[in-house]
């Protein structure tokens, strides 16, 4: 039961990060702060949670491409790469 509660709690945090990434994507700032979000996500989520977040962002990116909004999709690609690179560094440190 506790393991299921932890998984549910992490899924809520993943959803929160999804909203934060999308808010940053559509924000008024010149450059989105994806690196800060990636650092926070890697610090707060498990490896599985970060992978889940990446998959969600990839789905969002595909939807943006389908809508023809390539600029926002490219921006989201940058966010996904930031998460991937941080995960790779973490993986290298752990092994």
Protein backbone atom coordinates (compact mmCIF):
# COMPACT_ATOMS: atom_id res chain seq x y z
CA UNK A 1 0.00 0.00 0.00
CA UNK A 2 2.78 2.42 0.90
CA UNK A 3 4.58 1.76 -2.39
CA UNK A 4 1.40 2.57 -4.30
CA UNK A 5 0.98 5.80 -2.32
CA UNK A 6 4.56 6.80 -3.14
CA UNK A 7 3.95 6.10 -6.83
CA UNK A 8 0.79 8.20 -6.72
CA UNK A 9 2.60 11.02 -4.95
CA UNK A 10 5.37 10.97 -7.54
CA UNK A 11 2.83 11.01 -10.38
CA UNK A 12 1.43 14.20 -8.86
CA UNK A 13 4.91 15.73 -8.82
CA UNK A 14 5.41 14.65 -12.46
CA UNK A 15 2.13 16.35 -13.37
CA UNK A 16 3.28 19.46 -11.55
CA UNK A 17 6.51 19.50 -13.55
CA UNK A 18 4.56 19.04 -16.78
CA UNK A 19 2.51 22.13 -15.98
CA UNK A 20 5.64 24.07 -15.05
CA UNK A 21 7.33 23.14 -18.33
CA UNK A 22 4.29 24.10 -20.37
CA UNK A 23 3.94 27.37 -18.45
CA UNK A 24 7.60 28.11 -19.13
CA UNK A 25 7.11 27.18 -22.78
CA UNK A 26 4.29 29.67 -23.22
CA UNK A 27 5.79 32.31 -20.93
CA UNK A 28 6.70 35.85 -21.85
CA UNK A 29 10.38 35.38 -21.16
CA UNK A 30 12.97 35.58 -23.88
CA UNK A 31 14.53 32.25 -22.91
CA UNK A 32 12.68 29.57 -20.97
CA UNK A 33 14.37 28.43 -17.77
CA UNK A 34 14.48 24.76 -18.71
CA UNK A 35 17.83 24.11 -17.03
CA UNK A 36 16.46 25.18 -13.65
CA UNK A 37 13.42 22.98 -14.15
CA UNK A 38 15.56 20.02 -15.21
CA UNK A 39 17.79 20.40 -12.15
CA UNK A 40 14.75 20.54 -9.88
CA UNK A 41 13.10 17.55 -11.60
CA UNK A 42 16.21 15.37 -11.31
CA UNK A 43 16.58 16.34 -7.66
CA UNK A 44 12.96 15.64 -6.73
CA UNK A 45 11.98 12.69 -8.91
CA UNK A 46 13.15 9.12 -9.18
CA UNK A 47 14.77 7.93 -12.39
CA UNK A 48 11.43 6.45 -13.43
CA UNK A 49 9.68 9.71 -12.67
CA UNK A 50 12.09 11.70 -14.85
CA UNK A 51 11.64 9.19 -17.66
CA UNK A 52 7.87 9.50 -17.30
CA UNK A 53 8.20 13.29 -17.48
CA UNK A 54 10.32 13.00 -20.63
CA UNK A 55 7.72 10.78 -22.27
CA UNK A 56 4.95 13.22 -21.38
CA UNK A 57 6.96 16.12 -22.82
CA UNK A 58 7.63 14.11 -25.99
CA UNK A 59 3.89 13.55 -26.37
CA UNK A 60 3.28 17.28 -25.89
CA UNK A 61 5.95 18.02 -28.50
CA UNK A 62 4.29 15.66 -31.00
CA UNK A 63 0.95 17.37 -30.41
CA UNK A 64 2.55 20.77 -31.04
CA UNK A 65 4.06 19.49 -34.29
CA UNK A 66 0.66 18.15 -35.34
CA UNK A 67 -0.79 21.60 -34.72
CA UNK A 68 1.96 23.12 -36.87
CA UNK A 69 3.58 25.05 -34.04
CA UNK A 70 7.15 24.07 -34.82
CA UNK A 71 8.72 26.92 -32.85
CA UNK A 72 7.16 25.75 -29.58
CA UNK A 73 7.90 22.11 -30.45
CA UNK A 74 11.57 22.99 -31.01
CA UNK A 75 11.63 24.79 -27.69
CA UNK A 76 10.23 21.71 -25.99
CA UNK A 77 12.92 19.63 -27.71
CA UNK A 78 15.46 21.78 -25.91
CA UNK A 79 13.75 21.03 -22.61
CA UNK A 80 13.75 17.29 -23.31
CA UNK A 81 17.44 17.36 -24.21
CA UNK A 82 18.20 19.14 -20.95
CA UNK A 83 16.45 16.41 -18.97
CA UNK A 84 18.14 13.67 -21.00
CA UNK A 85 21.59 15.14 -20.50
CA UNK A 86 21.07 15.47 -16.74
CA UNK A 87 19.85 11.88 -16.59
CA UNK A 88 22.90 10.73 -18.53
CA UNK A 89 25.20 12.54 -16.11
CA UNK A 90 23.37 10.99 -13.15
CA UNK A 91 23.57 7.56 -14.74
CA UNK A 92 27.31 8.00 -15.33
CA UNK A 93 27.82 9.00 -11.70
CA UNK A 94 25.88 6.02 -10.42
CA UNK A 95 27.82 3.51 -12.52
